[in-house]
Amino acid sequence: MSPSSDVIVAARLPEGVPFHARPAGKFVRAAAAFPCAVTVAANGKRANAKSVLELIGLGATGGTELELSASGEGAVEAVEHLSALVRELA
């Protein structure tokens, strides 16, 4: 897979961990480290992974499956790192 490919990965929020300010902030800081465009989809909505307000707006609660997608340079690395981060949120 080339570094500029579009990549989509599913990750589930841990039970009891909603995507509120603290976990969303941690996620945004991690996403901002990558040069590619990253989005998160949940509950029929899509958000820029580099925006805390957009992520909170997804209304994702603990146990919600998130679809992480990235395109551009570093897309594979971004979704791998971010999906691992989602599993570790507390």
PDB file of N, CA and C in Angstrom:
ATOM      1  N   MET A   1       0.849  -1.174   0.000  1.00  0.00           N
ATOM      2  CA  MET A   1       0.000   0.000   0.000  1.00  0.00           C
ATOM      3  C   MET A   1       0.892   1.233   0.000  1.00  0.00           C
ATOM      4  N   SER A   2       0.631   2.173  -0.862  1.00  0.00           N
ATOM      5  CA  SER A   2       1.453   3.373  -0.938  1.00  0.00           C
ATOM      6  C   SER A   2       1.126   4.304   0.218  1.00  0.00           C
ATOM      7  N   PRO A   3       2.068   5.209   0.566  1.00  0.00           N
ATOM      8  CA  PRO A   3       1.832   6.087   1.701  1.00  0.00           C
ATOM      9  C   PRO A   3       0.705   7.086   1.472  1.00  0.00           C
ATOM     10  N   SER A   4       0.216   7.236   0.240  1.00  0.00           N
ATOM     11  CA  SER A   4      -0.842   8.207  -0.021  1.00  0.00           C
ATOM     12  C   SER A   4      -2.213   7.546  -0.219  1.00  0.00           C
ATOM     13  N   SER A   5      -2.316   6.255   0.067  1.00  0.00           N
ATOM     14  CA  SER A   5      -3.581   5.543  -0.100  1.00  0.00           C
ATOM     15  C   SER A   5      -4.615   5.983   0.925  1.00  0.00           C
ATOM     16  N   ASP A   6      -5.898   5.829   0.551  1.00  0.00           N
ATOM     17  CA  ASP A   6      -6.976   6.041   1.510  1.00  0.00           C
ATOM     18  C   ASP A   6      -7.082   4.781   2.362  1.00  0.00           C
ATOM     19  N   VAL A   7      -7.197   4.967   3.659  1.00  0.00           N
ATOM     20  CA  VAL A   7      -7.222   3.838   4.588  1.00  0.00           C
ATOM     21  C   VAL A   7      -8.405   4.007   5.529  1.00  0.00           C
ATOM     22  N   ILE A   8      -9.133   2.918   5.780  1.00  0.00           N
ATOM     23  CA  ILE A   8     -10.273   2.938   6.702  1.00  0.00           C
ATOM     24  C   ILE A   8     -10.115   1.789   7.690  1.00  0.00           C
ATOM     25  N   VAL A   9     -10.277   2.101   8.981  1.00  0.00           N
ATOM     26  CA  VAL A   9     -10.146   1.111  10.043  1.00  0.00           C
ATOM     27  C   VAL A   9     -11.260   1.340  11.061  1.00  0.00           C
ATOM     28  N   ALA A  10     -11.781   0.268  11.621  1.00  0.00           N
ATOM     29  CA  ALA A  10     -12.796   0.378  12.681  1.00  0.00           C
ATOM     30  C   ALA A  10     -12.119   0.246  14.037  1.00  0.00           C
ATOM     31  N   ALA A  11     -12.618   1.016  14.995  1.00  0.00           N
ATOM     32  CA  ALA A  11     -12.125   0.934  16.377  1.00  0.00           C
ATOM     33  C   ALA A  11     -13.309   1.193  17.296  1.00  0.00           C
ATOM     34  N   ARG A  12     -13.393   0.448  18.368  1.00  0.00           N
ATOM     35  CA  ARG A  12     -14.518   0.585  19.299  1.00  0.00           C
ATOM     36  C   ARG A  12     -14.051   1.297  20.564  1.00  0.00           C
ATOM     37  N   LEU A  13     -14.828   2.330  20.952  1.00  0.00           N
ATOM     38  CA  LEU A  13     -14.546   3.006  22.220  1.00  0.00           C
ATOM     39  C   LEU A  13     -14.725   2.007  23.353  1.00  0.00           C
ATOM     40  N   PRO A  14     -13.851   2.037  24.356  1.00  0.00           N
ATOM     41  CA  PRO A  14     -14.038   1.134  25.500  1.00  0.00           C
ATOM     42  C   PRO A  14     -15.371   1.415  26.195  1.00  0.00           C
ATOM     43  N   GLU A  15     -15.972   0.389  26.762  1.00  0.00           N
ATOM     44  CA  GLU A  15     -17.225   0.553  27.516  1.00  0.00           C
ATOM     45  C   GLU A  15     -17.004   1.582  28.619  1.00  0.00           C
ATOM     46  N   GLY A  16     -17.968   2.450  28.801  1.00  0.00           N
ATOM     47  CA  GLY A  16     -17.887   3.445  29.856  1.00  0.00           C
ATOM     48  C   GLY A  16     -17.024   4.653  29.531  1.00  0.00           C
ATOM     49  N   VAL A  17     -16.518   4.741  28.286  1.00  0.00           N
ATOM     50  CA  VAL A  17     -15.671   5.871  27.901  1.00  0.00           C
ATOM     51  C   VAL A  17     -16.317   6.615  26.736  1.00  0.00           C
ATOM     52  N   PRO A  18     -17.099   7.654  27.022  1.00  0.00           N
ATOM     53  CA  PRO A  18     -17.673   8.452  25.931  1.00  0.00           C
ATOM     54  C   PRO A  18     -16.612   9.357  25.325  1.00  0.00           C
ATOM     55  N   PHE A  19     -16.846   9.808  24.109  1.00  0.00           N
ATOM     56  CA  PHE A  19     -15.912  10.714  23.437  1.00  0.00           C
ATOM     57  C   PHE A  19     -16.219  12.134  23.911  1.00  0.00           C
ATOM     58  N   HIS A  20     -15.904  12.415  25.180  1.00  0.00           N
ATOM     59  CA  HIS A  20     -16.105  13.759  25.714  1.00  0.00           C
ATOM     60  C   HIS A  20     -14.784  14.518  25.638  1.00  0.00           C
ATOM     61  N   ALA A  21     -14.677  15.658  26.290  1.00  0.00           N
ATOM     62  CA  ALA A  21     -13.548  16.574  26.106  1.00  0.00           C
ATOM     63  C   ALA A  21     -12.171  15.945  26.326  1.00  0.00           C
ATOM     64  N   ARG A  22     -11.986  15.237  27.416  1.00  0.00           N
ATOM     65  CA  ARG A  22     -10.637  14.714  27.697  1.00  0.00           C
ATOM     66  C   ARG A  22     -10.191  13.670  26.676  1.00  0.00           C
ATOM     67  N   PRO A  23     -10.961  12.599  26.421  1.00  0.00           N
ATOM     68  CA  PRO A  23     -10.503  11.636  25.416  1.00  0.00           C
ATOM     69  C   PRO A  23     -10.462  12.230  24.011  1.00  0.00           C
ATOM     70  N   ALA A  24     -11.400  13.108  23.692  1.00  0.00           N
ATOM     71  CA  ALA A  24     -11.381  13.740  22.365  1.00  0.00           C
ATOM     72  C   ALA A  24     -10.147  14.610  22.210  1.00  0.00           C
ATOM     73  N   GLY A  25      -9.779  15.328  23.266  1.00  0.00           N
ATOM     74  CA  GLY A  25      -8.574  16.161  23.219  1.00  0.00           C
ATOM     75  C   GLY A  25      -7.320  15.337  23.002  1.00  0.00           C
ATOM     76  N   LYS A  26      -7.236  14.220  23.697  1.00  0.00           N
ATOM     77  CA  LYS A  26      -6.092  13.317  23.534  1.00  0.00           C
ATOM     78  C   LYS A  26      -6.027  12.797  22.098  1.00  0.00           C
ATOM     79  N   PHE A  27      -7.193  12.443  21.558  1.00  0.00           N
ATOM     80  CA  PHE A  27      -7.271  11.931  20.192  1.00  0.00           C
ATOM     81  C   PHE A  27      -6.851  13.004  19.184  1.00  0.00           C
ATOM     82  N   VAL A  28      -7.339  14.231  19.365  1.00  0.00           N
ATOM     83  CA  VAL A  28      -7.017  15.334  18.452  1.00  0.00           C
ATOM     84  C   VAL A  28      -5.522  15.625  18.463  1.00  0.00           C
ATOM     85  N   ARG A  29      -4.915  15.638  19.644  1.00  0.00           N
ATOM     86  CA  ARG A  29      -3.470  15.897  19.715  1.00  0.00           C
ATOM     87  C   ARG A  29      -2.695  14.837  18.946  1.00  0.00           C
ATOM     88  N   ALA A  30      -3.124  13.586  19.056  1.00  0.00           N
ATOM     89  CA  ALA A  30      -2.457  12.502  18.330  1.00  0.00           C
ATOM     90  C   ALA A  30      -2.685  12.635  16.824  1.00  0.00           C
ATOM     91  N   ALA A  31      -3.914  12.944  16.422  1.00  0.00           N
ATOM     92  CA  ALA A  31      -4.231  13.077  14.993  1.00  0.00           C
ATOM     93  C   ALA A  31      -3.475  14.236  14.363  1.00  0.00           C
ATOM     94  N   ALA A  32      -3.289  15.318  15.124  1.00  0.00           N
ATOM     95  CA  ALA A  32      -2.609  16.510  14.604  1.00  0.00           C
ATOM     96  C   ALA A  32      -1.142  16.248  14.279  1.00  0.00           C
ATOM     97  N   ALA A  33      -0.578  15.188  14.824  1.00  0.00           N
ATOM     98  CA  ALA A  33       0.822  14.859  14.569  1.00  0.00           C
ATOM     99  C   ALA A  33       1.040  14.286  13.172  1.00  0.00           C
ATOM    100  N   PHE A  34      -0.050  13.948  12.475  1.00  0.00           N
ATOM    101  CA  PHE A  34       0.066  13.353  11.147  1.00  0.00           C
ATOM    102  C   PHE A  34      -0.306  14.376  10.080  1.00  0.00           C
ATOM    103  N   PRO A  35       0.420  14.384   8.961  1.00  0.00           N
ATOM    104  CA  PRO A  35       0.133  15.362   7.907  1.00  0.00           C
ATOM    105  C   PRO A  35      -1.104  15.051   7.066  1.00  0.00           C
ATOM    106  N   CYS A  36      -1.602  13.832   7.149  1.00  0.00           N
ATOM    107  CA  CYS A  36      -2.740  13.418   6.324  1.00  0.00           C
ATOM    108  C   CYS A  36      -4.057  13.945   6.883  1.00  0.00           C
ATOM    109  N   ALA A  37      -5.089  13.901   6.055  1.00  0.00           N
ATOM    110  CA  ALA A  37      -6.448  14.235   6.489  1.00  0.00           C
ATOM    111  C   ALA A  37      -7.012  13.010   7.192  1.00  0.00           C
ATOM    112  N   VAL A  38      -7.597  13.218   8.372  1.00  0.00           N
ATOM    113  CA  VAL A  38      -8.154  12.111   9.153  1.00  0.00           C
ATOM    114  C   VAL A  38      -9.579  12.467   9.541  1.00  0.00           C
ATOM    115  N   THR A  39     -10.501  11.523   9.351  1.00  0.00           N
ATOM    116  CA  THR A  39     -11.884  11.728   9.775  1.00  0.00           C
ATOM    117  C   THR A  39     -12.328  10.556  10.646  1.00  0.00           C
ATOM    118  N   VAL A  40     -13.344  10.828  11.449  1.00  0.00           N
ATOM    119  CA  VAL A  40     -13.944   9.811  12.312  1.00  0.00           C
ATOM    120  C   VAL A  40     -15.437   9.824  12.029  1.00  0.00           C
ATOM    121  N   ALA A  41     -16.021   8.647  11.857  1.00  0.00           N
ATOM    122  CA  ALA A  41     -17.466   8.540  11.642  1.00  0.00           C
ATOM    123  C   ALA A  41     -18.074   7.673  12.739  1.00  0.00           C
ATOM    124  N   ALA A  42     -19.252   8.096  13.203  1.00  0.00           N
ATOM    125  CA  ALA A  42     -20.014   7.334  14.196  1.00  0.00           C
ATOM    126  C   ALA A  42     -21.426   7.884  14.229  1.00  0.00           C
ATOM    127  N   ASN A  43     -22.382   7.029  14.511  1.00  0.00           N
ATOM    128  CA  ASN A  43     -23.780   7.446  14.656  1.00  0.00           C
ATOM    129  C   ASN A  43     -24.299   8.206  13.430  1.00  0.00           C
ATOM    130  N   GLY A  44     -23.846   7.828  12.247  1.00  0.00           N
ATOM    131  CA  GLY A  44     -24.313   8.478  11.026  1.00  0.00           C
ATOM    132  C   GLY A  44     -23.727   9.852  10.779  1.00  0.00           C
ATOM    133  N   LYS A  45     -22.711  10.231  11.552  1.00  0.00           N
ATOM    134  CA  LYS A  45     -22.080  11.546  11.400  1.00  0.00           C
ATOM    135  C   LYS A  45     -20.603  11.361  11.104  1.00  0.00           C
ATOM    136  N   ARG A  46     -19.994  12.380  10.519  1.00  0.00           N
ATOM    137  CA  ARG A  46     -18.564  12.352  10.203  1.00  0.00           C
ATOM    138  C   ARG A  46     -17.930  13.618  10.762  1.00  0.00           C
ATOM    139  N   ALA A  47     -16.701  13.485  11.309  1.00  0.00           N
ATOM    140  CA  ALA A  47     -16.022  14.624  11.916  1.00  0.00           C
ATOM    141  C   ALA A  47     -14.554  14.663  11.522  1.00  0.00           C
ATOM    142  N   ASN A  48     -14.014  15.865  11.476  1.00  0.00           N
ATOM    143  CA  ASN A  48     -12.576  16.074  11.296  1.00  0.00           C
ATOM    144  C   ASN A  48     -11.907  15.603  12.586  1.00  0.00           C
ATOM    145  N   ALA A  49     -10.969  14.678  12.480  1.00  0.00           N
ATOM    146  CA  ALA A  49     -10.312  14.120  13.656  1.00  0.00           C
ATOM    147  C   ALA A  49      -9.391  15.117  14.345  1.00  0.00           C
ATOM    148  N   LYS A  50      -9.195  16.262  13.733  1.00  0.00           N
ATOM    149  CA  LYS A  50      -8.309  17.269  14.319  1.00  0.00           C
ATOM    150  C   LYS A  50      -9.102  18.398  14.962  1.00  0.00           C
ATOM    151  N   SER A  51     -10.402  18.156  15.209  1.00  0.00           N
ATOM    152  CA  SER A  51     -11.287  19.147  15.836  1.00  0.00           C
ATOM    153  C   SER A  51     -12.003  18.530  17.032  1.00  0.00           C
ATOM    154  N   VAL A  52     -11.701  19.016  18.233  1.00  0.00           N
ATOM    155  CA  VAL A  52     -12.348  18.506  19.443  1.00  0.00           C
ATOM    156  C   VAL A  52     -13.857  18.684  19.359  1.00  0.00           C
ATOM    157  N   LEU A  53     -14.304  19.861  18.945  1.00  0.00           N
ATOM    158  CA  LEU A  53     -15.743  20.120  18.893  1.00  0.00           C
ATOM    159  C   LEU A  53     -16.463  19.187  17.929  1.00  0.00           C
ATOM    160  N   GLU A  54     -15.858  18.923  16.782  1.00  0.00           N
ATOM    161  CA  GLU A  54     -16.496  18.011  15.829  1.00  0.00           C
ATOM    162  C   GLU A  54     -16.561  16.591  16.396  1.00  0.00           C
ATOM    163  N   LEU A  55     -15.493  16.154  17.072  1.00  0.00           N
ATOM    164  CA  LEU A  55     -15.499  14.805  17.650  1.00  0.00           C
ATOM    165  C   LEU A  55     -16.555  14.679  18.737  1.00  0.00           C
ATOM    166  N   ILE A  56     -16.653  15.666  19.604  1.00  0.00           N
ATOM    167  CA  ILE A  56     -17.677  15.631  20.650  1.00  0.00           C
ATOM    168  C   ILE A  56     -19.069  15.603  20.014  1.00  0.00           C
ATOM    169  N   GLY A  57     -19.233  16.313  18.899  1.00  0.00           N
ATOM    170  CA  GLY A  57     -20.499  16.368  18.195  1.00  0.00           C
ATOM    171  C   GLY A  57     -20.961  15.034  17.632  1.00  0.00           C
ATOM    172  N   LEU A  58     -20.066  14.051  17.554  1.00  0.00           N
ATOM    173  CA  LEU A  58     -20.464  12.720  17.087  1.00  0.00           C
ATOM    174  C   LEU A  58     -21.403  12.038  18.074  1.00  0.00           C
ATOM    175  N   GLY A  59     -21.339  12.450  19.333  1.00  0.00           N
ATOM    176  CA  GLY A  59     -22.190  11.833  20.351  1.00  0.00           C
ATOM    177  C   GLY A  59     -21.836  10.384  20.626  1.00  0.00           C
ATOM    178  N   ALA A  60     -20.572  10.023  20.447  1.00  0.00           N
ATOM    179  CA  ALA A  60     -20.145   8.638  20.642  1.00  0.00           C
ATOM    180  C   ALA A  60     -20.001   8.321  22.126  1.00  0.00           C
ATOM    181  N   THR A  61     -20.680   7.284  22.565  1.00  0.00           N
ATOM    182  CA  THR A  61     -20.607   6.831  23.950  1.00  0.00           C
ATOM    183  C   THR A  61     -19.752   5.572  24.020  1.00  0.00           C
ATOM    184  N   GLY A  62     -19.482   5.116  25.246  1.00  0.00           N
ATOM    185  CA  GLY A  62     -18.703   3.900  25.412  1.00  0.00           C
ATOM    186  C   GLY A  62     -19.296   2.737  24.644  1.00  0.00           C
ATOM    187  N   GLY A  63     -18.451   1.992  23.959  1.00  0.00           N
ATOM    188  CA  GLY A  63     -18.884   0.853  23.165  1.00  0.00           C
ATOM    189  C   GLY A  63     -19.242   1.187  21.732  1.00  0.00           C
ATOM    190  N   THR A  64     -19.256   2.483  21.383  1.00  0.00           N
ATOM    191  CA  THR A  64     -19.577   2.897  20.014  1.00  0.00           C
ATOM    192  C   THR A  64     -18.439   2.516  19.075  1.00  0.00           C
ATOM    193  N   GLU A  65     -18.799   1.967  17.924  1.00  0.00           N
ATOM    194  CA  GLU A  65     -17.789   1.666  16.916  1.00  0.00           C
ATOM    195  C   GLU A  65     -17.529   2.924  16.095  1.00  0.00           C
ATOM    196  N   LEU A  66     -16.264   3.270  15.982  1.00  0.00           N
ATOM    197  CA  LEU A  66     -15.828   4.422  15.202  1.00  0.00           C
ATOM    198  C   LEU A  66     -15.204   3.935  13.909  1.00  0.00           C
ATOM    199  N   GLU A  67     -15.429   4.670  12.845  1.00  0.00           N
ATOM    200  CA  GLU A  67     -14.747   4.393  11.585  1.00  0.00           C
ATOM    201  C   GLU A  67     -13.711   5.488  11.403  1.00  0.00           C
ATOM    202  N   LEU A  68     -12.444   5.106  11.440  1.00  0.00           N
ATOM    203  CA  LEU A  68     -11.353   6.045  11.256  1.00  0.00           C
ATOM    204  C   LEU A  68     -10.895   5.956   9.811  1.00  0.00           C
ATOM    205  N   SER A  69     -10.813   7.090   9.143  1.00  0.00           N
ATOM    206  CA  SER A  69     -10.325   7.073   7.768  1.00  0.00           C
ATOM    207  C   SER A  69      -9.294   8.176   7.602  1.00  0.00           C
ATOM    208  N   ALA A  70      -8.321   7.892   6.756  1.00  0.00           N
ATOM    209  CA  ALA A  70      -7.257   8.858   6.500  1.00  0.00           C
ATOM    210  C   ALA A  70      -6.848   8.778   5.047  1.00  0.00           C
ATOM    211  N   SER A  71      -6.424   9.906   4.525  1.00  0.00           N
ATOM    212  CA  SER A  71      -5.902   9.937   3.160  1.00  0.00           C
ATOM    213  C   SER A  71      -4.749  10.912   3.104  1.00  0.00           C
ATOM    214  N   GLY A  72      -3.783  10.555   2.290  1.00  0.00           N
ATOM    215  CA  GLY A  72      -2.604  11.397   2.147  1.00  0.00           C
ATOM    216  C   GLY A  72      -1.386  10.743   2.775  1.00  0.00           C
ATOM    217  N   GLU A  73      -0.330  11.504   2.860  1.00  0.00           N
ATOM    218  CA  GLU A  73       0.935  11.016   3.394  1.00  0.00           C
ATOM    219  C   GLU A  73       0.778  10.585   4.848  1.00  0.00           C
ATOM    220  N   GLY A  74       1.209   9.375   5.157  1.00  0.00           N
ATOM    221  CA  GLY A  74       1.147   8.863   6.514  1.00  0.00           C
ATOM    222  C   GLY A  74      -0.203   8.307   6.923  1.00  0.00           C
ATOM    223  N   ALA A  75      -1.090   8.072   5.959  1.00  0.00           N
ATOM    224  CA  ALA A  75      -2.441   7.611   6.281  1.00  0.00           C
ATOM    225  C   ALA A  75      -2.442   6.271   7.013  1.00  0.00           C
ATOM    226  N   VAL A  76      -1.658   5.333   6.562  1.00  0.00           N
ATOM    227  CA  VAL A  76      -1.620   4.006   7.191  1.00  0.00           C
ATOM    228  C   VAL A  76      -1.154   4.132   8.639  1.00  0.00           C
ATOM    229  N   GLU A  77      -0.077   4.859   8.835  1.00  0.00           N
ATOM    230  CA  GLU A  77       0.461   5.037  10.182  1.00  0.00           C
ATOM    231  C   GLU A  77      -0.548   5.748  11.081  1.00  0.00           C
ATOM    232  N   ALA A  78      -1.240   6.727  10.530  1.00  0.00           N
ATOM    233  CA  ALA A  78      -2.212   7.491  11.318  1.00  0.00           C
ATOM    234  C   ALA A  78      -3.337   6.601  11.826  1.00  0.00           C
ATOM    235  N   VAL A  79      -3.967   5.836  10.945  1.00  0.00           N
ATOM    236  CA  VAL A  79      -5.096   5.013  11.399  1.00  0.00           C
ATOM    237  C   VAL A  79      -4.637   3.898  12.325  1.00  0.00           C
ATOM    238  N   GLU A  80      -3.445   3.359  12.107  1.00  0.00           N
ATOM    239  CA  GLU A  80      -2.938   2.324  13.011  1.00  0.00           C
ATOM    240  C   GLU A  80      -2.726   2.907  14.404  1.00  0.00           C
ATOM    241  N   HIS A  81      -2.080   4.062  14.467  1.00  0.00           N
ATOM    242  CA  HIS A  81      -1.805   4.700  15.758  1.00  0.00           C
ATOM    243  C   HIS A  81      -3.103   5.116  16.451  1.00  0.00           C
ATOM    244  N   LEU A  82      -4.001   5.749  15.711  1.00  0.00           N
ATOM    245  CA  LEU A  82      -5.234   6.257  16.307  1.00  0.00           C
ATOM    246  C   LEU A  82      -6.186   5.140  16.734  1.00  0.00           C
ATOM    247  N   SER A  83      -6.236   4.041  15.978  1.00  0.00           N
ATOM    248  CA  SER A  83      -7.098   2.932  16.389  1.00  0.00           C
ATOM    249  C   SER A  83      -6.563   2.299  17.672  1.00  0.00           C
ATOM    250  N   ALA A  84      -5.250   2.207  17.812  1.00  0.00           N
ATOM    251  CA  ALA A  84      -4.666   1.691  19.058  1.00  0.00           C
ATOM    252  C   ALA A  84      -4.969   2.645  20.209  1.00  0.00           C
ATOM    253  N   LEU A  85      -4.904   3.939  19.953  1.00  0.00           N
ATOM    254  CA  LEU A  85      -5.200   4.938  20.980  1.00  0.00           C
ATOM    255  C   LEU A  85      -6.648   4.830  21.456  1.00  0.00           C
ATOM    256  N   VAL A  86      -7.577   4.637  20.530  1.00  0.00           N
ATOM    257  CA  VAL A  86      -8.994   4.507  20.907  1.00  0.00           C
ATOM    258  C   VAL A  86      -9.187   3.355  21.876  1.00  0.00           C
ATOM    259  N   ARG A  87      -8.552   2.250  21.611  1.00  0.00           N
ATOM    260  CA  ARG A  87      -8.695   1.067  22.485  1.00  0.00           C
ATOM    261  C   ARG A  87      -8.141   1.316  23.884  1.00  0.00           C
ATOM    262  N   GLU A  88      -7.196   2.267  24.020  1.00  0.00           N
ATOM    263  CA  GLU A  88      -6.552   2.540  25.302  1.00  0.00           C
ATOM    264  C   GLU A  88      -7.157   3.715  26.059  1.00  0.00           C
ATOM    265  N   LEU A  89      -8.134   4.400  25.472  1.00  0.00           N
ATOM    266  CA  LEU A  89      -8.726   5.560  26.150  1.00  0.00           C
ATOM    267  C   LEU A  89      -9.379   5.134  27.450  1.00  0.00           C
ATOM    268  N   ALA A  90      -9.230   5.966  28.467  1.00  0.00           N
ATOM    269  CA  ALA A  90      -9.862   5.668  29.762  1.00  0.00           C
ATOM    270  C   ALA A  90     -10.336   6.951  30.407  1.00  0.00           C
TER     271      ALA A  90
END
